[in-house]
Amino acid sequence: MATISGADVKHIVVACEAGMGSSVMVARMLAKQLKHTGITVSHTPVNQLADEPHDLVLCHRGLGSRAMQAVPGSVVIVFDMFLGDFKIAQLVSDLSEGAEIVGD
């Protein structure tokens, strides 16, 4: 299980199925919530994750295993709901506080 200090996260990638839709909404929401931290947020299709290294990957449970296979050793956080998910709220809190983040 990969871990990273919230203070070391500079970029978050929200992995998605095709690059349009709900994941874009999550990426925008996170970018707004994390603006004060200087962390950038983007989105990319899960099948393109291996193209570059990532500090932290966030994805829906349906894509979790694919994301973990694409970026072994990276911190992958899996959530269940696109809006109002506790894990996303906890991630924002941990990043704001510089707490240790443990991947799924």
N, C-alpha and C. Protein backbone atom coordinates (compact mmCIF):
# COMPACT_ATOMS: atom_id res chain seq x y z
N MET A 1 0.85 -1.17 0.00
CA MET A 1 0.00 0.00 0.00
C MET A 1 0.90 1.24 0.00
N ALA A 2 0.76 2.08 -1.01
CA ALA A 2 1.58 3.27 -1.16
C ALA A 2 1.07 4.38 -0.24
N THR A 3 2.00 5.22 0.21
CA THR A 3 1.65 6.38 1.03
C THR A 3 2.42 7.60 0.53
N ILE A 4 1.91 8.77 0.86
CA ILE A 4 2.58 10.02 0.54
C ILE A 4 2.14 11.07 1.56
N SER A 5 3.05 11.95 1.90
CA SER A 5 2.70 13.05 2.78
C SER A 5 1.89 14.06 1.98
N GLY A 6 0.83 14.57 2.57
CA GLY A 6 0.02 15.58 1.91
C GLY A 6 0.85 16.79 1.53
N ALA A 7 1.90 17.07 2.29
CA ALA A 7 2.77 18.21 1.99
C ALA A 7 3.58 17.99 0.72
N ASP A 8 3.75 16.73 0.31
CA ASP A 8 4.54 16.41 -0.88
C ASP A 8 3.71 16.34 -2.16
N VAL A 9 2.40 16.38 -2.04
CA VAL A 9 1.53 16.28 -3.22
C VAL A 9 1.50 17.64 -3.93
N LYS A 10 1.90 17.62 -5.19
CA LYS A 10 1.88 18.83 -6.01
C LYS A 10 0.85 18.74 -7.13
N HIS A 11 0.46 17.50 -7.46
CA HIS A 11 -0.46 17.29 -8.59
C HIS A 11 -1.32 16.05 -8.32
N ILE A 12 -2.60 16.17 -8.59
CA ILE A 12 -3.55 15.06 -8.47
C ILE A 12 -4.15 14.82 -9.85
N VAL A 13 -4.25 13.56 -10.21
CA VAL A 13 -4.91 13.18 -11.46
C VAL A 13 -6.18 12.43 -11.10
N VAL A 14 -7.29 12.88 -11.66
CA VAL A 14 -8.55 12.17 -11.53
C VAL A 14 -8.66 11.28 -12.77
N ALA A 15 -8.60 9.98 -12.56
CA ALA A 15 -8.66 9.03 -13.68
C ALA A 15 -10.11 8.75 -14.03
N CYS A 16 -10.35 8.63 -15.33
CA CYS A 16 -11.71 8.43 -15.81
C CYS A 16 -11.73 7.37 -16.89
N GLU A 17 -12.90 7.08 -17.36
CA GLU A 17 -13.06 6.08 -18.41
C GLU A 17 -12.68 6.65 -19.77
N ALA A 18 -13.22 7.82 -20.11
CA ALA A 18 -12.99 8.36 -21.45
C ALA A 18 -12.57 9.82 -21.46
N GLY A 19 -12.50 10.47 -20.33
CA GLY A 19 -12.04 11.84 -20.28
C GLY A 19 -13.12 12.90 -20.36
N MET A 20 -14.37 12.52 -20.30
CA MET A 20 -15.46 13.49 -20.33
C MET A 20 -16.50 13.09 -19.30
N GLY A 21 -17.11 14.06 -18.66
CA GLY A 21 -18.21 13.75 -17.76
C GLY A 21 -17.91 13.96 -16.30
N SER A 22 -18.29 12.99 -15.49
CA SER A 22 -18.25 13.12 -14.04
C SER A 22 -16.85 13.35 -13.49
N SER A 23 -15.86 12.72 -14.08
CA SER A 23 -14.49 12.91 -13.57
C SER A 23 -14.02 14.34 -13.76
N VAL A 24 -14.44 14.98 -14.83
CA VAL A 24 -14.09 16.38 -15.06
C VAL A 24 -14.71 17.23 -13.95
N MET A 25 -15.93 16.91 -13.59
CA MET A 25 -16.61 17.63 -12.52
C MET A 25 -15.84 17.45 -11.20
N VAL A 26 -15.40 16.24 -10.89
CA VAL A 26 -14.64 15.98 -9.67
C VAL A 26 -13.32 16.75 -9.71
N ALA A 27 -12.64 16.74 -10.85
CA ALA A 27 -11.36 17.45 -10.98
C ALA A 27 -11.54 18.95 -10.75
N ARG A 28 -12.57 19.52 -11.31
CA ARG A 28 -12.82 20.96 -11.12
C ARG A 28 -13.16 21.28 -9.67
N MET A 29 -13.98 20.43 -9.05
CA MET A 29 -14.35 20.63 -7.66
C MET A 29 -13.10 20.57 -6.77
N LEU A 30 -12.24 19.57 -7.01
CA LEU A 30 -11.02 19.45 -6.21
C LEU A 30 -10.10 20.64 -6.43
N ALA A 31 -9.94 21.05 -7.67
CA ALA A 31 -9.07 22.20 -7.96
C ALA A 31 -9.53 23.44 -7.19
N LYS A 32 -10.83 23.64 -7.15
CA LYS A 32 -11.38 24.79 -6.43
C LYS A 32 -11.12 24.65 -4.92
N GLN A 33 -11.36 23.45 -4.38
CA GLN A 33 -11.18 23.24 -2.94
C GLN A 33 -9.71 23.30 -2.52
N LEU A 34 -8.80 22.96 -3.44
CA LEU A 34 -7.38 22.91 -3.10
C LEU A 34 -6.58 24.10 -3.61
N LYS A 35 -7.26 25.08 -4.15
CA LYS A 35 -6.59 26.25 -4.73
C LYS A 35 -5.61 26.88 -3.74
N HIS A 36 -6.01 26.97 -2.49
CA HIS A 36 -5.16 27.59 -1.47
C HIS A 36 -3.89 26.80 -1.17
N THR A 37 -3.82 25.55 -1.58
CA THR A 37 -2.65 24.70 -1.29
C THR A 37 -1.60 24.75 -2.39
N GLY A 38 -1.98 25.23 -3.57
CA GLY A 38 -1.05 25.22 -4.71
C GLY A 38 -1.01 23.90 -5.46
N ILE A 39 -1.83 22.94 -5.05
CA ILE A 39 -1.90 21.64 -5.72
C ILE A 39 -2.70 21.80 -7.01
N THR A 40 -2.18 21.26 -8.10
CA THR A 40 -2.92 21.29 -9.36
C THR A 40 -3.68 19.97 -9.52
N VAL A 41 -4.78 20.04 -10.24
CA VAL A 41 -5.63 18.87 -10.45
C VAL A 41 -5.94 18.78 -11.94
N SER A 42 -5.81 17.58 -12.49
CA SER A 42 -6.16 17.35 -13.89
C SER A 42 -6.93 16.04 -13.98
N HIS A 43 -7.37 15.72 -15.16
CA HIS A 43 -8.03 14.43 -15.37
C HIS A 43 -7.44 13.80 -16.63
N THR A 44 -7.48 12.48 -16.65
CA THR A 44 -6.96 11.74 -17.79
C THR A 44 -7.64 10.38 -17.84
N PRO A 45 -7.79 9.80 -19.02
CA PRO A 45 -8.34 8.44 -19.10
C PRO A 45 -7.42 7.45 -18.37
N VAL A 46 -8.00 6.49 -17.72
CA VAL A 46 -7.24 5.53 -16.94
C VAL A 46 -6.21 4.79 -17.81
N ASN A 47 -6.52 4.58 -19.08
CA ASN A 47 -5.58 3.85 -19.94
C ASN A 47 -4.38 4.70 -20.35
N GLN A 48 -4.34 5.98 -19.95
CA GLN A 48 -3.19 6.83 -20.23
C GLN A 48 -2.40 7.20 -18.97
N LEU A 49 -2.75 6.61 -17.84
CA LEU A 49 -2.07 6.92 -16.59
C LEU A 49 -0.59 6.58 -16.62
N ALA A 50 -0.22 5.49 -17.24
CA ALA A 50 1.17 5.03 -17.22
C ALA A 50 2.09 5.93 -18.04
N ASP A 51 1.55 6.89 -18.77
CA ASP A 51 2.36 7.75 -19.63
C ASP A 51 3.29 8.69 -18.86
N GLU A 52 2.99 8.96 -17.59
CA GLU A 52 3.83 9.84 -16.79
C GLU A 52 3.63 9.54 -15.30
N PRO A 53 4.60 9.94 -14.46
CA PRO A 53 4.46 9.68 -13.02
C PRO A 53 3.41 10.60 -12.39
N HIS A 54 2.82 10.14 -11.29
CA HIS A 54 1.77 10.90 -10.62
C HIS A 54 2.00 10.89 -9.11
N ASP A 55 1.75 12.04 -8.47
CA ASP A 55 1.82 12.10 -7.01
C ASP A 55 0.69 11.29 -6.41
N LEU A 56 -0.52 11.50 -6.94
CA LEU A 56 -1.71 10.87 -6.39
C LEU A 56 -2.75 10.73 -7.49
N VAL A 57 -3.39 9.58 -7.53
CA VAL A 57 -4.45 9.32 -8.51
C VAL A 57 -5.74 9.07 -7.75
N LEU A 58 -6.80 9.70 -8.21
CA LEU A 58 -8.13 9.56 -7.62
C LEU A 58 -9.04 8.99 -8.70
N CYS A 59 -9.78 7.94 -8.37
CA CYS A 59 -10.68 7.36 -9.38
C CYS A 59 -11.87 6.67 -8.72
N HIS A 60 -12.91 6.49 -9.52
CA HIS A 60 -14.10 5.79 -9.07
C HIS A 60 -13.78 4.31 -8.87
N ARG A 61 -14.48 3.69 -7.95
CA ARG A 61 -14.23 2.29 -7.62
C ARG A 61 -14.21 1.38 -8.85
N GLY A 62 -15.05 1.65 -9.84
CA GLY A 62 -15.09 0.82 -11.04
C GLY A 62 -13.80 0.83 -11.84
N LEU A 63 -12.95 1.82 -11.61
CA LEU A 63 -11.67 1.92 -12.32
C LEU A 63 -10.47 1.67 -11.41
N GLY A 64 -10.73 1.40 -10.15
CA GLY A 64 -9.66 1.26 -9.17
C GLY A 64 -8.59 0.25 -9.52
N SER A 65 -8.98 -0.95 -9.88
CA SER A 65 -7.98 -1.98 -10.17
C SER A 65 -7.17 -1.63 -11.42
N ARG A 66 -7.81 -1.04 -12.41
CA ARG A 66 -7.08 -0.64 -13.62
C ARG A 66 -6.08 0.47 -13.31
N ALA A 67 -6.48 1.42 -12.48
CA ALA A 67 -5.58 2.51 -12.11
C ALA A 67 -4.38 1.98 -11.33
N MET A 68 -4.62 1.08 -10.38
CA MET A 68 -3.54 0.52 -9.58
C MET A 68 -2.56 -0.28 -10.44
N GLN A 69 -3.06 -0.97 -11.43
CA GLN A 69 -2.19 -1.71 -12.35
C GLN A 69 -1.39 -0.76 -13.23
N ALA A 70 -1.98 0.35 -13.63
CA ALA A 70 -1.33 1.30 -14.53
C ALA A 70 -0.19 2.05 -13.84
N VAL A 71 -0.34 2.33 -12.55
CA VAL A 71 0.66 3.12 -11.82
C VAL A 71 1.04 2.43 -10.50
N PRO A 72 1.64 1.24 -10.59
CA PRO A 72 2.02 0.54 -9.35
C PRO A 72 3.01 1.39 -8.55
N GLY A 73 2.82 1.42 -7.26
CA GLY A 73 3.69 2.21 -6.41
C GLY A 73 3.19 3.63 -6.18
N SER A 74 2.26 4.10 -7.00
CA SER A 74 1.67 5.42 -6.78
C SER A 74 0.50 5.30 -5.82
N VAL A 75 0.18 6.40 -5.17
CA VAL A 75 -0.96 6.42 -4.26
C VAL A 75 -2.22 6.55 -5.11
N VAL A 76 -3.11 5.57 -4.97
CA VAL A 76 -4.40 5.58 -5.66
C VAL A 76 -5.49 5.60 -4.61
N ILE A 77 -6.35 6.60 -4.69
CA ILE A 77 -7.50 6.71 -3.78
C ILE A 77 -8.75 6.40 -4.59
N VAL A 78 -9.55 5.48 -4.09
CA VAL A 78 -10.76 5.03 -4.78
C VAL A 78 -11.97 5.57 -4.03
N PHE A 79 -12.89 6.19 -4.78
CA PHE A 79 -14.11 6.71 -4.17
C PHE A 79 -15.33 6.03 -4.78
N ASP A 80 -16.48 6.19 -4.13
CA ASP A 80 -17.72 5.55 -4.58
C ASP A 80 -18.71 6.52 -5.23
N MET A 81 -18.79 7.75 -4.72
CA MET A 81 -19.78 8.71 -5.23
C MET A 81 -19.06 9.93 -5.80
N PHE A 82 -19.53 10.41 -6.94
CA PHE A 82 -18.91 11.58 -7.56
C PHE A 82 -19.16 12.86 -6.78
N LEU A 83 -20.25 12.94 -6.07
CA LEU A 83 -20.55 14.11 -5.24
C LEU A 83 -20.79 13.67 -3.80
N GLY A 84 -20.17 14.37 -2.88
CA GLY A 84 -20.42 14.11 -1.47
C GLY A 84 -19.75 12.87 -0.92
N ASP A 85 -18.73 12.34 -1.57
CA ASP A 85 -18.06 11.14 -1.08
C ASP A 85 -17.14 11.49 0.10
N PHE A 86 -17.23 10.70 1.16
CA PHE A 86 -16.41 10.93 2.35
C PHE A 86 -14.92 10.87 2.04
N LYS A 87 -14.50 9.94 1.18
CA LYS A 87 -13.07 9.79 0.91
C LYS A 87 -12.50 11.03 0.21
N ILE A 88 -13.28 11.66 -0.64
CA ILE A 88 -12.81 12.89 -1.30
C ILE A 88 -12.71 14.01 -0.28
N ALA A 89 -13.70 14.13 0.58
CA ALA A 89 -13.67 15.15 1.64
C ALA A 89 -12.48 14.92 2.57
N GLN A 90 -12.22 13.68 2.92
CA GLN A 90 -11.09 13.35 3.79
C GLN A 90 -9.76 13.67 3.10
N LEU A 91 -9.69 13.39 1.81
CA LEU A 91 -8.49 13.70 1.05
C LEU A 91 -8.20 15.20 1.06
N VAL A 92 -9.21 16.01 0.83
CA VAL A 92 -9.04 17.47 0.85
C VAL A 92 -8.54 17.92 2.22
N SER A 93 -9.12 17.37 3.27
CA SER A 93 -8.70 17.71 4.63
C SER A 93 -7.25 17.30 4.88
N ASP A 94 -6.90 16.07 4.50
CA ASP A 94 -5.53 15.58 4.70
C ASP A 94 -4.52 16.40 3.91
N LEU A 95 -4.86 16.76 2.69
CA LEU A 95 -3.96 17.57 1.88
C LEU A 95 -3.78 18.96 2.48
N SER A 96 -4.86 19.54 2.96
CA SER A 96 -4.80 20.87 3.57
C SER A 96 -3.94 20.88 4.83
N GLU A 97 -3.96 19.76 5.55
CA GLU A 97 -3.19 19.65 6.80
C GLU A 97 -1.80 19.07 6.61
N GLY A 98 -1.50 18.58 5.41
CA GLY A 98 -0.21 17.95 5.16
C GLY A 98 -0.08 16.58 5.80
N ALA A 99 -1.21 15.94 6.06
CA ALA A 99 -1.22 14.63 6.72
C ALA A 99 -0.77 13.52 5.76
N GLU A 100 -0.42 12.38 6.32
CA GLU A 100 -0.05 11.23 5.50
C GLU A 100 -1.29 10.67 4.81
N ILE A 101 -1.13 10.36 3.53
CA ILE A 101 -2.24 9.83 2.74
C ILE A 101 -1.87 8.40 2.35
N VAL A 102 -2.77 7.48 2.66
CA VAL A 102 -2.55 6.06 2.39
C VAL A 102 -3.47 5.64 1.24
N GLY A 103 -2.88 5.03 0.22
CA GLY A 103 -3.65 4.57 -0.92
C GLY A 103 -4.49 3.35 -0.60
N ASP A 104 -5.41 3.04 -1.47
CA ASP A 104 -6.28 1.88 -1.30
C ASP A 104 -5.59 0.60 -1.72
